[in-house]
Amino acid sequence: MTRHKILLVDDEPGLLEVCRETLEERGADVFTAVNGLQALKILESAQVDLIVSDLRMSRLDGMGLLRKIKESGLDVDVIFLTGFGTVENAVDCLRLGATDYLLKPFDVQELLLKIEKALHGRKARTEQKKFSNLATMLSLSNTLGNQKNLRSLIKEFFVQVREAFAPDHMAMFFPDAEGKDMEVRVSLGRFFRVREDIRDWFKDLSKDLLEQGAPKLFDPASMKEASRPGKSLPPELAHVSAMAAPVASGRSKIAVVVVLREKEGPAYSLQNLHLLTVFAAYAASAFENLRGYRRLRNMNIEIITSHVSAVEAKDFYTKGHSERVSSYSVLLGKEIGLPDRDLRLLSFAGMLHDIGKIGIPDNILNKNAPLTEEELVIMKQHPVVGRDILSRVKTLHEILPIVYHHHEWWDGGGYPEGLRKENIPFLARVITVIDGFEAIVSNRAYQNARPVAEAREILAQGAGVQWDPDIVNAWLRVLDKQDVTKKHFTPPL
C-alpha cells in the first residue's frame, strides 16, 4: 500500500482510528472524514486512490457521497462499509459504480484484503489505460498527419474525438473571417444544430478559452459561474457535463472543441479533460503541418506554372492551352462524378501536362508542317521530360502518372509506353480527351481551329481507338449543355 492515498469516511471515531493506524503501518497515506461533506472538502484538494466509507452517516451519507463523486468526474475507487440492514443499499452502490462492500462488523484482515484487491484492480486498469491511450495517440497522430486538405482534417479530428469521448453533443468553433467572432463549422447533436441559445452560449465561451489558451471542465455549478451578465444559462445546460479545449499552437489560435454529456451519462473527469487537451494539441500540430504543406505546394505550383508560361512563350499558338485543359478537365470530372480530390488532381495535371515541351527545340515545337520521323521521336519525349521535371517536387507526385500517360491511346497506339484500355490511368484518360478536343478547336502551327461540331465528330470517330469511349460520351454530354469555347464561359474552378 506504500504511497497509495486512502480516504476513510466514518462517523465512529474508534473504528476510524483503528483503520487509520492499520493502513499507515502498511505505508499508506491516510485521510479521515466523519461524513460525506467533509470527505468532499478533502477531495477538492487531495488526489485519492481509494475511499473506504460507511453508508449511514449524517450530513451526506455514503450513497450521496458516491453520487457527488460521479457527478464531479473524480477518478477514485470506493469500498462501502455496511450493516446487514443496508446490504441492499450497498448493492445499489455497486450498480452506481462502487468497487466493493464489506459487512460490519468485520475483521481488519478482511478490510486489508478488500483494499489490496481494489488497489490491484486499479493499478491494472491504469496500466491498461496507459497502453490504450498510447495506441489512441499514435493512431490519432498518424491519421491526422495523413490528411491533405482542411475539410478532411476537421472531419477526421471530429470522428476521433467522438469515438474517444462518446459525447451526446459536440461542436468545433472557429474564428470567423475577421477574427472577431466564433462560428460552428461542424457539430453533433441537437444542442448545436437547432438551439441557437446554446450555440451562442458556447460561442462566447470558446472565444474566451481561445484567447486564454486554457482547457476547462464544466459541471452544472461551473456552468453557472461561466455565464455572462445579461446572458442566462440555457436550462438544458444545468444538468450536463462538458469539456472544452483550444486547438492552438504557439500564437496560432485555430479552434475550440466542445463536448457535452447529458445527465444520463457519466460525468467527464479531469483525466478526460487532459486527454482531450492532448487530442487538441495533436490536431493543432496537424493544422500547422497542413498549412506548411499548402504553402509549400502553392510555392511549388507558382514555380512550375512559371515554367508553363515559359513553354507557352516558346509556342505562341498554344497560349492559354494548359489553363483551358485544366478548366475543361475539371468540368468533365464533375460530369463523371469524381470526388474533390480527383478534381484537384485534374486541375493541376491539366495545367502542367505539357510542361515537358520546355525541353523540345523551338524549330520542332513551332513547325507549321508535318514533323519528320526523327522530329516525332523528339516530340514524343515531352511526357517523359514533364514527368522528370515534376518528380523533383514531392507535393506533385500524385499527378505524375497523368502527365506521363496523357498521350496513350485506348487501342495501345499511343506513347510513351503504348498502354491499352484500363491499363491507362483513369485521370490520364480524362486529360487525353480534353487535350485532344482543345487542340482541335484551337489554332495550331500545323492547322487552323475547327468548329465544335467538327470536334464532336472527330471525338466520336476516335472513341474506342484513341480515346476511352465512356469518357468521350461524358464530354459530349457536357458540350450538349454549354459551349465551352464561348468567351462568356466561366471555368469551374
Protein backbone atom coordinates (compact mmCIF):
# COMPACT_ATOMS: atom_id res chain seq x y z
CA MET A 1 0.00 0.00 0.00
CA THR A 2 3.08 2.22 0.03
CA ARG A 3 2.41 5.66 -1.45
CA HIS A 4 -1.30 4.96 -2.03
CA LYS A 5 -3.65 7.67 -0.74
CA ILE A 6 -6.72 6.34 1.06
CA LEU A 7 -9.63 8.33 2.48
CA LEU A 8 -11.55 6.80 5.43
CA VAL A 9 -15.08 8.15 6.00
CA ASP A 10 -17.00 7.03 9.09
CA ASP A 11 -18.82 8.67 11.98
CA GLU A 12 -17.47 6.11 14.53
CA PRO A 13 -14.24 7.67 15.92
CA GLY A 14 -12.92 4.41 17.35
CA LEU A 15 -13.30 2.45 14.10
CA LEU A 16 -11.85 5.36 12.13
CA GLU A 17 -8.73 5.45 14.33
CA VAL A 18 -8.10 1.68 14.21
CA CYS A 19 -8.37 1.59 10.41
CA ARG A 20 -6.14 4.66 10.05
CA GLU A 21 -3.35 3.20 12.18
CA THR A 22 -3.52 -0.17 10.40
CA LEU A 23 -3.23 1.38 6.93
CA GLU A 24 -0.48 3.81 7.93
CA GLU A 25 1.57 0.90 9.31
CA ARG A 26 1.47 -0.58 5.80
CA GLY A 27 2.75 2.63 4.18
CA ALA A 28 -0.49 4.25 3.01
CA ASP A 29 -1.14 7.99 3.22
CA VAL A 30 -4.45 8.19 5.09
CA PHE A 31 -7.05 10.98 5.25
CA THR A 32 -10.08 10.80 7.54
CA ALA A 33 -13.55 12.36 7.49
CA VAL A 34 -16.61 11.87 9.67
CA ASN A 35 -19.23 12.42 6.92
CA GLY A 36 -19.69 12.83 3.21
CA LEU A 37 -19.48 16.63 3.19
CA GLN A 38 -16.14 16.59 5.00
CA ALA A 39 -14.92 13.94 2.56
CA LEU A 40 -15.83 16.14 -0.43
CA LYS A 41 -13.80 19.01 1.07
CA ILE A 42 -10.77 16.74 1.26
CA LEU A 43 -11.30 15.57 -2.32
CA GLU A 44 -11.20 19.17 -3.53
CA SER A 45 -7.52 19.45 -2.60
CA ALA A 46 -6.22 15.86 -2.43
CA GLN A 47 -5.98 13.22 -5.16
CA VAL A 48 -7.13 9.97 -3.57
CA ASP A 49 -6.81 6.42 -4.94
CA LEU A 50 -9.42 4.76 -2.74
CA ILE A 51 -12.26 5.73 -0.38
CA VAL A 52 -13.45 3.40 2.36
CA SER A 53 -16.77 4.82 3.54
CA ASP A 54 -19.62 3.96 5.83
CA LEU A 55 -23.06 4.01 4.21
CA ARG A 56 -25.07 5.55 7.08
CA MET A 57 -23.80 8.98 8.10
CA SER A 58 -25.31 12.35 8.89
CA ARG A 59 -24.74 15.40 6.65
CA LEU A 60 -24.41 13.36 3.42
CA ASP A 61 -24.39 9.58 3.58
CA GLY A 62 -22.29 7.15 1.55
CA MET A 63 -24.75 6.91 -1.34
CA GLY A 64 -24.88 10.71 -1.60
CA LEU A 65 -21.08 10.89 -1.48
CA LEU A 66 -20.81 8.39 -4.32
CA ARG A 67 -23.27 10.36 -6.45
CA LYS A 68 -21.30 13.58 -5.89
CA ILE A 69 -18.08 11.80 -6.86
CA LYS A 70 -19.64 10.55 -10.10
CA GLU A 71 -21.10 13.97 -10.91
CA SER A 72 -17.68 15.57 -10.42
CA GLY A 73 -15.99 13.01 -12.65
CA LEU A 74 -13.40 12.11 -10.00
CA ASP A 75 -11.27 9.04 -10.69
CA VAL A 76 -11.40 7.24 -7.33
CA ASP A 77 -12.49 3.77 -6.24
CA VAL A 78 -14.96 3.35 -3.36
CA ILE A 79 -15.48 0.49 -0.87
CA PHE A 80 -18.54 0.71 1.37
CA LEU A 81 -18.89 -0.50 4.97
CA THR A 82 -22.43 -1.53 5.81
CA GLY A 83 -24.52 -3.39 8.34
CA PHE A 84 -26.85 -6.26 7.46
CA GLY A 85 -29.80 -3.91 7.27
CA THR A 86 -28.28 -1.89 4.42
CA VAL A 87 -26.91 -4.66 2.19
CA GLU A 88 -29.50 -3.76 -0.44
CA ASN A 89 -28.18 -0.18 -0.43
CA ALA A 90 -24.66 -1.50 -0.82
CA VAL A 91 -25.70 -3.47 -3.90
CA ASP A 92 -27.28 -0.31 -5.29
CA CYS A 93 -23.94 1.40 -4.78
CA LEU A 94 -22.21 -1.30 -6.82
CA ARG A 95 -24.64 -0.60 -9.64
CA LEU A 96 -23.78 3.08 -9.33
CA GLY A 97 -20.06 2.35 -9.67
CA ALA A 98 -18.69 1.38 -6.26
CA THR A 99 -15.81 -1.09 -6.27
CA ASP A 100 -16.88 -3.39 -3.39
CA TYR A 101 -18.57 -3.50 0.03
CA LEU A 102 -17.81 -5.09 3.41
CA LEU A 103 -20.31 -6.09 6.10
CA LYS A 104 -19.97 -4.77 9.64
CA PRO A 105 -18.68 -5.98 11.99
CA PHE A 106 -15.55 -7.06 10.14
CA ASP A 107 -12.05 -8.26 10.86
CA VAL A 108 -9.25 -5.83 9.96
CA GLN A 109 -7.65 -8.51 7.79
CA GLU A 110 -10.85 -8.71 5.76
CA LEU A 111 -10.66 -4.97 5.20
CA LEU A 112 -7.00 -5.19 4.15
CA LEU A 113 -7.81 -7.92 1.61
CA LYS A 114 -10.63 -5.81 0.13
CA ILE A 115 -8.34 -2.79 -0.07
CA GLU A 116 -5.47 -4.78 -1.65
CA LYS A 117 -7.87 -6.23 -4.21
CA ALA A 118 -9.24 -2.78 -5.08
CA LEU A 119 -5.78 -1.21 -5.39
CA HIS A 120 -4.53 -4.11 -7.53
CA GLY A 121 -7.53 -3.75 -9.86
CA ARG A 122 -6.96 0.00 -10.04
CA LYS A 123 -3.30 -0.49 -10.97
CA ALA A 124 -4.24 -2.98 -13.72
CA ARG A 125 -6.83 -0.57 -15.14
CA THR A 126 -4.35 2.30 -15.03
CA GLU A 127 -1.71 0.32 -16.94
CA GLN A 128 -4.28 -0.83 -19.48
CA LYS A 129 -5.46 2.76 -19.89
CA LYS A 130 -1.88 3.93 -20.46
CA PHE A 131 -1.37 1.44 -23.28
CA SER A 132 -4.82 2.21 -24.66
CA ASN A 133 -4.13 5.96 -24.58
CA LEU A 134 -0.73 5.46 -26.20
CA ALA A 135 -2.30 3.42 -29.01
CA THR A 136 -5.00 6.07 -29.39
CA MET A 137 -2.42 8.85 -29.57
CA LEU A 138 -0.33 7.02 -32.17
CA SER A 139 -3.44 6.32 -34.24
CA LEU A 140 -4.59 9.94 -33.90
CA SER A 141 -1.18 11.31 -34.88
CA ASN A 142 -0.91 9.08 -37.95
CA THR A 143 -4.50 9.66 -39.03
CA LEU A 144 -4.42 13.44 -38.71
CA GLY A 145 -0.96 13.67 -40.23
CA ASN A 146 -2.14 11.91 -43.39
CA GLN A 147 -4.89 14.45 -44.15
CA LYS A 148 -4.04 16.71 -47.09
CA ASN A 149 -6.92 19.18 -47.02
CA LEU A 150 -8.69 21.21 -44.34
CA ARG A 151 -12.09 19.57 -44.73
CA SER A 152 -10.82 16.02 -44.28
CA LEU A 153 -8.62 17.06 -41.34
CA ILE A 154 -11.54 18.65 -39.47
CA LYS A 155 -13.77 15.67 -40.25
CA GLU A 156 -11.20 13.12 -39.07
CA PHE A 157 -10.47 15.01 -35.85
CA PHE A 158 -14.21 15.21 -35.19
CA VAL A 159 -14.57 11.44 -35.71
CA GLN A 160 -11.62 10.66 -33.40
CA VAL A 161 -12.94 12.87 -30.58
CA ARG A 162 -16.42 11.41 -30.90
CA GLU A 163 -15.07 7.85 -30.63
CA ALA A 164 -12.83 8.63 -27.67
CA PHE A 165 -15.27 10.63 -25.53
CA ALA A 166 -18.74 9.44 -26.63
CA PRO A 167 -20.43 12.85 -26.31
CA ASP A 168 -24.15 13.43 -26.70
CA HIS A 169 -23.38 16.79 -28.30
CA MET A 170 -20.19 18.16 -29.82
CA ALA A 171 -19.02 21.15 -31.85
CA MET A 172 -15.90 22.81 -33.19
CA PHE A 173 -15.83 26.61 -33.09
CA PHE A 174 -13.53 28.52 -35.45
CA PRO A 175 -12.77 32.24 -35.62
CA ASP A 176 -14.73 33.95 -38.39
CA ALA A 177 -13.04 35.59 -41.38
CA GLU A 178 -12.46 38.83 -39.48
CA GLY A 179 -11.30 37.08 -36.32
CA LYS A 180 -13.83 38.97 -34.18
CA ASP A 181 -16.35 36.20 -33.52
CA MET A 182 -16.61 32.41 -33.45
CA GLU A 183 -18.67 30.15 -35.69
CA VAL A 184 -19.58 26.46 -35.72
CA ARG A 185 -18.00 24.55 -38.62
CA VAL A 186 -19.03 21.03 -37.61
CA SER A 187 -21.39 19.73 -34.92
CA LEU A 188 -23.07 16.64 -33.47
CA GLY A 189 -26.38 16.52 -31.59
CA ARG A 190 -29.44 18.73 -31.43
CA PHE A 191 -27.99 21.28 -28.97
CA PHE A 192 -25.66 22.82 -31.53
CA ARG A 193 -27.80 22.06 -34.56
CA VAL A 194 -31.12 23.63 -33.53
CA ARG A 195 -30.61 25.51 -30.25
CA GLU A 196 -29.29 28.97 -31.09
CA ASP A 197 -29.13 30.00 -27.40
CA ILE A 198 -26.91 27.04 -26.50
CA ARG A 199 -24.78 27.61 -29.59
CA ASP A 200 -24.34 31.29 -28.68
CA TRP A 201 -23.51 30.47 -25.06
CA PHE A 202 -20.65 28.18 -26.09
CA LYS A 203 -19.61 30.55 -28.86
CA ASP A 204 -18.88 33.23 -26.28
CA LEU A 205 -17.20 30.70 -24.04
CA SER A 206 -14.99 29.33 -26.84
CA LYS A 207 -13.87 32.84 -27.74
CA ASP A 208 -12.64 33.38 -24.16
CA LEU A 209 -10.95 29.99 -23.98
CA LEU A 210 -9.16 30.52 -27.30
CA GLU A 211 -7.82 33.86 -26.10
CA GLN A 212 -6.74 32.36 -22.77
CA GLY A 213 -5.34 29.20 -24.37
CA ALA A 214 -6.69 27.08 -21.50
CA PRO A 215 -8.98 24.00 -21.43
CA LYS A 216 -11.91 23.83 -19.00
CA LEU A 217 -14.05 21.17 -17.35
CA PHE A 218 -17.67 22.10 -16.57
CA ASP A 219 -20.14 20.71 -14.11
CA PRO A 220 -23.54 22.39 -13.53
CA ALA A 221 -22.05 24.73 -10.88
CA SER A 222 -19.17 25.94 -13.04
CA MET A 223 -21.60 26.34 -15.95
CA LYS A 224 -23.48 28.94 -13.92
CA GLU A 225 -20.24 30.68 -12.92
CA ALA A 226 -19.21 30.94 -16.59
CA SER A 227 -22.47 32.65 -17.61
CA ARG A 228 -22.04 36.20 -18.88
CA PRO A 229 -24.00 39.13 -17.46
CA GLY A 230 -27.22 39.55 -19.39
CA LYS A 231 -26.99 36.06 -20.92
CA SER A 232 -28.55 33.44 -18.65
CA LEU A 233 -27.60 29.79 -18.75
CA PRO A 234 -29.95 27.77 -21.01
CA PRO A 235 -31.92 25.39 -18.71
CA GLU A 236 -30.70 22.27 -20.53
CA LEU A 237 -27.10 23.09 -19.58
CA ALA A 238 -27.86 22.96 -15.86
CA HIS A 239 -27.59 19.17 -15.92
CA VAL A 240 -24.74 18.45 -18.32
CA SER A 241 -21.07 17.61 -18.01
CA ALA A 242 -18.91 19.40 -20.57
CA MET A 243 -15.31 19.92 -21.65
CA ALA A 244 -13.75 22.48 -23.94
CA ALA A 245 -10.18 22.65 -25.21
CA PRO A 246 -8.46 25.16 -27.52
CA VAL A 247 -6.85 23.81 -30.67
CA ALA A 248 -3.87 26.15 -30.69
CA SER A 249 -0.15 26.10 -31.44
CA GLY A 250 2.01 28.95 -30.21
CA ARG A 251 0.45 32.15 -31.49
CA SER A 252 -1.71 30.26 -33.95
CA LYS A 253 -5.23 30.07 -32.48
CA ILE A 254 -7.15 27.66 -34.68
CA ALA A 255 -10.35 26.45 -33.00
CA VAL A 256 -12.06 25.23 -29.81
CA VAL A 257 -13.55 21.75 -29.47
CA VAL A 258 -16.53 21.35 -27.09
CA VAL A 259 -18.05 18.03 -25.94
CA LEU A 260 -21.14 17.55 -23.73
CA ARG A 261 -22.82 14.70 -21.95
CA GLU A 262 -26.32 14.89 -20.57
CA LYS A 263 -27.16 13.74 -17.04
CA GLU A 264 -27.84 10.12 -18.07
CA GLY A 265 -24.17 9.54 -18.95
CA PRO A 266 -21.12 9.54 -16.63
CA ALA A 267 -19.62 12.96 -16.00
CA TYR A 268 -16.35 13.91 -17.66
CA SER A 269 -13.30 13.81 -15.39
CA LEU A 270 -10.04 15.73 -15.16
CA GLN A 271 -8.41 12.74 -16.85
CA ASN A 272 -10.87 13.11 -19.73
CA LEU A 273 -10.03 16.79 -19.99
CA HIS A 274 -6.32 16.02 -20.04
CA LEU A 275 -6.83 13.52 -22.86
CA LEU A 276 -8.99 15.99 -24.82
CA THR A 277 -6.23 18.59 -24.40
CA VAL A 278 -3.73 16.12 -25.86
CA PHE A 279 -6.10 15.45 -28.76
CA ALA A 280 -6.35 19.20 -29.36
CA ALA A 281 -2.55 19.54 -29.31
CA TYR A 282 -2.19 16.81 -31.95
CA ALA A 283 -4.86 18.50 -34.05
CA ALA A 284 -3.10 21.87 -33.76
CA SER A 285 0.13 20.28 -34.96
CA ALA A 286 -1.72 18.68 -37.89
CA PHE A 287 -3.32 22.03 -38.80
CA GLU A 288 0.10 23.71 -38.76
CA ASN A 289 1.62 20.93 -40.86
CA LEU A 290 -1.24 21.25 -43.34
CA ARG A 291 -0.69 24.99 -43.58
CA GLY A 292 3.00 24.40 -44.20
CA TYR A 293 2.18 21.75 -46.78
CA ARG A 294 -0.22 24.10 -48.56
CA ARG A 295 2.30 26.95 -48.52
CA LEU A 296 4.95 24.65 -49.95
CA ARG A 297 2.53 23.26 -52.54
CA ASN A 298 1.44 26.75 -53.60
CA MET A 299 5.03 27.86 -53.83
CA ASN A 300 5.88 24.81 -55.96
CA ILE A 301 2.84 25.42 -58.16
CA GLU A 302 3.90 29.03 -58.69
CA ILE A 303 7.37 27.90 -59.70
CA ILE A 304 6.05 25.20 -62.02
CA THR A 305 3.39 27.41 -63.61
CA SER A 306 6.11 29.93 -64.36
CA HIS A 307 7.67 27.16 -66.46
CA VAL A 308 4.27 26.62 -68.12
CA SER A 309 4.37 30.28 -69.08
CA ALA A 310 7.85 29.71 -70.43
CA VAL A 311 6.55 26.83 -72.58
CA GLU A 312 3.71 28.95 -73.92
CA ALA A 313 6.16 31.74 -74.65
CA LYS A 314 8.06 29.27 -76.86
CA ASP A 315 4.88 28.02 -78.54
CA PHE A 316 2.71 31.10 -79.04
CA TYR A 317 0.00 29.06 -80.76
CA THR A 318 -0.79 27.24 -77.51
CA LYS A 319 -1.08 30.28 -75.25
CA GLY A 320 -3.81 29.53 -72.68
CA HIS A 321 -3.97 25.88 -73.74
CA SER A 322 -2.90 24.48 -70.37
CA GLU A 323 -5.34 26.68 -68.47
CA ARG A 324 -8.22 25.61 -70.72
CA VAL A 325 -7.31 21.92 -70.43
CA SER A 326 -7.29 22.35 -66.65
CA SER A 327 -10.72 24.01 -66.58
CA TYR A 328 -12.35 21.64 -69.09
CA SER A 329 -10.93 18.57 -67.29
CA VAL A 330 -12.49 19.65 -64.01
CA LEU A 331 -15.79 20.24 -65.80
CA LEU A 332 -15.63 16.75 -67.28
CA GLY A 333 -14.63 15.28 -63.90
CA LYS A 334 -17.74 16.80 -62.32
CA GLU A 335 -19.90 15.33 -65.08
CA ILE A 336 -18.46 11.90 -64.36
CA GLY A 337 -18.98 12.41 -60.61
CA LEU A 338 -15.35 12.35 -59.47
CA PRO A 339 -14.56 13.27 -55.84
CA ASP A 340 -12.95 16.59 -54.91
CA ARG A 341 -9.51 15.00 -54.57
CA ASP A 342 -9.56 13.81 -58.20
CA LEU A 343 -10.88 17.17 -59.39
CA ARG A 344 -7.89 18.87 -57.77
CA LEU A 345 -5.52 16.40 -59.43
CA LEU A 346 -7.15 17.06 -62.79
CA SER A 347 -6.83 20.80 -62.26
CA PHE A 348 -3.10 20.58 -61.51
CA ALA A 349 -2.39 17.94 -64.15
CA GLY A 350 -4.26 19.89 -66.81
CA MET A 351 -2.19 22.96 -66.04
CA LEU A 352 1.10 21.02 -66.07
CA HIS A 353 0.54 18.25 -68.62
CA ASP A 354 2.68 19.90 -71.33
CA ILE A 355 5.46 21.13 -69.02
CA GLY A 356 7.87 18.75 -70.79
CA LYS A 357 7.63 20.81 -74.00
CA ILE A 358 10.12 23.20 -72.42
CA GLY A 359 12.74 20.65 -73.46
CA ILE A 360 11.60 20.48 -77.12
CA PRO A 361 13.54 22.63 -79.63
CA ASP A 362 11.60 25.66 -80.96
CA ASN A 363 12.01 24.62 -84.59
CA ILE A 364 10.08 21.40 -83.84
CA LEU A 365 7.56 22.94 -81.49
CA ASN A 366 6.54 25.70 -83.91
CA LYS A 367 6.95 23.86 -87.20
CA ASN A 368 3.97 24.64 -89.50
CA ALA A 369 4.35 21.41 -91.48
CA PRO A 370 4.15 17.71 -90.63
CA LEU A 371 7.01 16.53 -88.42
CA THR A 372 9.59 14.06 -89.76
CA GLU A 373 10.07 10.68 -88.10
CA GLU A 374 13.13 11.98 -86.28
CA GLU A 375 11.25 15.07 -85.10
CA LEU A 376 8.31 12.95 -83.93
CA VAL A 377 10.66 10.88 -81.79
CA ILE A 378 11.86 14.07 -80.11
CA MET A 379 8.33 15.47 -79.70
CA LYS A 380 7.14 12.23 -78.10
CA GLN A 381 9.69 12.73 -75.33
CA HIS A 382 7.79 15.65 -73.78
CA PRO A 383 5.67 13.45 -71.42
CA VAL A 384 8.90 11.85 -70.19
CA VAL A 385 10.58 15.22 -69.71
CA GLY A 386 7.47 16.51 -67.94
CA ARG A 387 7.41 13.57 -65.55
CA ASP A 388 11.13 14.01 -64.78
CA ILE A 389 10.69 17.72 -64.04
CA LEU A 390 7.69 17.21 -61.77
CA SER A 391 9.18 14.18 -59.99
CA ARG A 392 11.54 16.55 -58.17
CA VAL A 393 8.55 18.18 -56.48
CA LYS A 394 7.25 15.83 -53.77
CA THR A 395 3.85 17.52 -53.46
CA LEU A 396 3.16 16.84 -57.17
CA HIS A 397 3.90 13.11 -57.18
CA GLU A 398 0.22 12.19 -57.49
CA ILE A 399 -0.09 13.84 -60.88
CA LEU A 400 3.00 12.17 -62.40
CA PRO A 401 1.04 9.24 -63.96
CA ILE A 402 -1.44 11.68 -65.51
CA VAL A 403 1.28 13.84 -67.09
CA TYR A 404 3.35 10.86 -68.20
CA HIS A 405 0.47 8.95 -69.84
CA HIS A 406 -1.66 11.74 -71.33
CA HIS A 407 -0.72 10.69 -74.90
CA GLU A 408 -1.58 6.98 -74.54
CA TRP A 409 -4.30 5.66 -76.88
CA TRP A 410 -7.24 3.44 -75.95
CA ASP A 411 -6.15 0.87 -78.58
CA GLY A 412 -2.48 0.91 -77.49
CA GLY A 413 -1.24 3.08 -80.37
CA GLY A 414 -0.09 5.99 -78.19
CA TYR A 415 3.07 6.84 -76.31
CA PRO A 416 5.31 6.75 -74.28
CA GLU A 417 4.52 3.11 -73.27
CA GLY A 418 1.73 2.04 -75.61
CA LEU A 419 -0.67 1.17 -72.78
CA ARG A 420 -4.16 -0.09 -73.67
CA LYS A 421 -7.64 0.50 -72.28
CA GLU A 422 -7.92 0.23 -68.47
CA ASN A 423 -4.15 -0.05 -68.12
CA ILE A 424 -4.01 3.67 -68.85
CA PRO A 425 -4.55 5.63 -65.58
CA PHE A 426 -8.15 6.83 -65.48
CA LEU A 427 -7.38 10.52 -64.90
CA ALA A 428 -4.86 10.40 -67.74
CA ARG A 429 -7.69 9.19 -70.00
CA VAL A 430 -9.76 12.21 -68.93
CA ILE A 431 -6.94 14.63 -69.75
CA THR A 432 -6.34 12.86 -73.08
CA VAL A 433 -9.89 13.52 -74.28
CA ILE A 434 -9.78 17.17 -73.22
CA ASP A 435 -6.29 17.70 -74.65
CA GLY A 436 -7.47 16.31 -78.00
CA PHE A 437 -10.63 18.43 -78.01
CA GLU A 438 -8.80 21.63 -77.10
CA ALA A 439 -6.18 21.02 -79.83
CA ILE A 440 -8.94 20.63 -82.44
CA VAL A 441 -10.81 23.83 -81.57
CA SER A 442 -7.66 26.00 -81.24
CA ASN A 443 -5.25 27.47 -83.77
CA ARG A 444 -2.04 25.50 -84.04
CA ALA A 445 1.12 25.88 -86.10
CA TYR A 446 0.04 22.97 -88.30
CA GLN A 447 -3.72 23.67 -88.56
CA ASN A 448 -6.42 26.28 -88.02
CA ALA A 449 -9.07 25.99 -85.33
CA ARG A 450 -12.09 23.93 -86.27
CA PRO A 451 -15.67 24.38 -85.01
CA VAL A 452 -17.04 22.46 -82.03
CA ALA A 453 -19.40 20.48 -84.29
CA GLU A 454 -16.42 19.10 -86.23
CA ALA A 455 -14.54 18.42 -83.00
CA ARG A 456 -17.51 16.40 -81.77
CA GLU A 457 -17.42 14.26 -84.92
CA ILE A 458 -13.69 13.67 -84.59
CA LEU A 459 -14.04 12.65 -80.94
CA ALA A 460 -16.93 10.30 -81.76
CA GLN A 461 -14.93 8.68 -84.56
CA GLY A 462 -11.87 8.30 -82.32
CA ALA A 463 -13.81 6.85 -79.40
CA GLY A 464 -12.59 3.29 -78.86
CA VAL A 465 -9.46 3.98 -80.91
CA GLN A 466 -7.66 6.99 -79.50
CA TRP A 467 -9.96 7.75 -76.56
CA ASP A 468 -11.92 5.94 -73.88
CA PRO A 469 -15.47 5.83 -75.37
CA ASP A 470 -17.20 6.35 -72.00
CA ILE A 471 -15.19 9.49 -71.29
CA VAL A 472 -15.83 10.80 -74.81
CA ASN A 473 -19.57 10.31 -74.31
CA ALA A 474 -19.39 12.15 -70.99
CA TRP A 475 -17.62 15.10 -72.64
CA LEU A 476 -20.19 15.19 -75.43
CA ARG A 477 -22.88 15.45 -72.75
CA VAL A 478 -21.06 18.45 -71.31
CA LEU A 479 -20.94 20.06 -74.76
CA ASP A 480 -24.68 19.46 -75.13
CA LYS A 481 -25.21 21.65 -72.06
CA GLN A 482 -22.85 24.53 -72.93
CA ASP A 483 -20.34 25.76 -75.48
CA VAL A 484 -17.11 25.90 -73.50
CA THR A 485 -15.32 27.77 -76.28
CA LYS A 486 -17.52 30.88 -75.91
CA LYS A 487 -15.94 33.91 -74.25
CA HIS A 488 -18.63 34.03 -71.58
CA PHE A 489 -17.77 30.51 -70.36
CA THR A 490 -16.79 30.53 -66.68
CA PRO A 491 -14.24 27.88 -65.63
CA PRO A 492 -15.47 25.58 -62.83
CA LEU A 493 -12.51 26.26 -60.51
